[in-house]
Amino acid sequence: MNMQAMMKQAQKLQKDMMDAQKEIEAMEFEGKASIVSVKMSGRKELISVEIDSEGFDKDDVEMLQDMIVVAINDAMKQVDKITEEKMGAYTKGMPGLF
């Protein structure tokens, strides 16, 4: 393969990777933990937090705090999973890039 063809292939790969990353960033993910639901962007930016006040014991703030953490971590794991699925095709053999 000549150098020009390799450069063209590298540019296409770079464009495909950037397109996949933009697609992930535009997605929304929802994490849940009992009465807490959070929405997060593909950039791992927290969009919203919803708490079902019917199921919330006003005296147990510590439990609510724990559920918020679990819900956020759930959403982040979803972002990581989709990122690995979509970007993994481009990064085979290069661990830790995404």
Protein backbone atom coordinates (compact mmCIF):
# COMPACT_ATOMS: atom_id res chain seq x y z
CA MET A 1 0.00 0.00 0.00
CA ASN A 2 1.45 3.35 -0.93
CA MET A 3 1.75 6.31 1.43
CA GLN A 4 -1.03 8.33 -0.23
CA ALA A 5 -3.51 5.47 0.11
CA MET A 6 -2.53 5.01 3.77
CA MET A 7 -3.06 8.72 4.46
CA LYS A 8 -6.46 8.62 2.77
CA GLN A 9 -7.44 5.59 4.84
CA ALA A 10 -6.25 7.30 8.04
CA GLN A 11 -8.29 10.42 7.23
CA LYS A 12 -11.40 8.32 6.63
CA LEU A 13 -10.87 6.48 9.92
CA GLN A 14 -10.45 9.79 11.75
CA LYS A 15 -13.66 11.19 10.20
CA ASP A 16 -15.58 8.01 11.06
CA MET A 17 -14.35 8.20 14.66
CA MET A 18 -15.34 11.86 14.96
CA ASP A 19 -18.79 11.12 13.53
CA ALA A 20 -19.29 8.26 16.01
CA GLN A 21 -18.18 10.49 18.90
CA LYS A 22 -20.62 13.23 17.85
CA GLU A 23 -23.41 10.66 17.67
CA ILE A 24 -22.65 9.50 21.23
CA GLU A 25 -22.46 13.07 22.52
CA ALA A 26 -25.92 13.81 21.10
CA MET A 27 -27.48 10.84 22.90
CA GLU A 28 -29.23 10.96 26.29
CA PHE A 29 -28.92 8.23 28.90
CA GLU A 30 -31.17 7.55 31.88
CA GLY A 31 -29.88 6.08 35.10
CA LYS A 32 -32.24 4.80 37.78
CA ALA A 33 -32.07 3.81 41.42
CA SER A 34 -35.38 3.17 43.15
CA ILE A 35 -37.09 6.58 43.42
CA VAL A 36 -34.31 8.53 41.67
CA SER A 37 -33.96 8.98 37.92
CA VAL A 38 -31.22 11.01 36.23
CA LYS A 39 -30.62 12.00 32.63
CA MET A 40 -27.12 12.46 31.30
CA SER A 41 -25.73 13.45 27.94
CA GLY A 42 -23.22 11.37 26.03
CA ARG A 43 -20.64 13.89 27.22
CA LYS A 44 -21.40 12.75 30.79
CA GLU A 45 -23.05 16.05 31.64
CA LEU A 46 -25.91 15.75 34.09
CA ILE A 47 -29.11 17.04 32.48
CA SER A 48 -31.75 16.37 35.12
CA VAL A 49 -32.52 14.66 38.41
CA GLU A 50 -36.02 13.47 39.22
CA ILE A 51 -37.12 12.21 42.63
CA ASP A 52 -40.42 10.42 43.19
CA SER A 53 -41.63 12.33 46.25
CA GLU A 54 -44.24 9.65 46.96
CA GLY A 55 -41.54 7.10 47.74
CA PHE A 56 -39.25 9.47 49.61
CA ASP A 57 -39.03 9.38 53.39
CA LYS A 58 -38.19 12.97 54.35
CA ASP A 59 -36.20 11.69 57.35
CA ASP A 60 -33.85 9.54 55.28
CA VAL A 61 -31.78 12.07 53.33
CA GLU A 62 -28.71 9.80 53.42
CA MET A 63 -30.60 7.09 51.51
CA LEU A 64 -31.68 9.67 48.91
CA GLN A 65 -28.09 10.86 48.50
CA ASP A 66 -26.94 7.26 47.96
CA MET A 67 -29.65 6.68 45.36
CA ILE A 68 -28.62 9.81 43.45
CA VAL A 69 -25.02 8.57 43.32
CA VAL A 70 -26.15 5.12 42.14
CA ALA A 71 -28.40 6.61 39.44
CA ILE A 72 -25.63 8.90 38.15
CA ASN A 73 -23.14 6.03 38.08
CA ASP A 74 -25.69 3.90 36.22
CA ALA A 75 -26.06 6.57 33.52
CA MET A 76 -22.28 6.96 33.23
CA LYS A 77 -21.84 3.21 32.79
CA GLN A 78 -24.36 3.34 29.95
CA VAL A 79 -22.38 6.13 28.27
CA ASP A 80 -19.17 4.11 28.68
CA LYS A 81 -20.80 0.98 27.27
CA ILE A 82 -22.13 2.74 24.16
CA THR A 83 -18.81 4.53 23.69
CA GLU A 84 -16.93 1.24 23.86
CA GLU A 85 -19.37 -0.41 21.45
CA LYS A 86 -19.24 2.37 18.87
CA MET A 87 -15.60 3.36 19.21
CA GLY A 88 -14.21 -0.11 19.91
CA ALA A 89 -14.17 -0.92 16.19
CA TYR A 90 -11.70 1.91 15.70
CA THR A 91 -9.55 1.30 18.76
CA LYS A 92 -8.97 -2.46 18.69
CA GLY A 93 -5.60 -3.15 20.18
CA MET A 94 -5.33 0.35 21.66
CA PRO A 95 -6.78 0.05 25.21
CA GLY A 96 -7.60 3.11 27.22
CA LEU A 97 -8.37 5.54 24.42
CA PHE A 98 -12.04 5.99 25.36
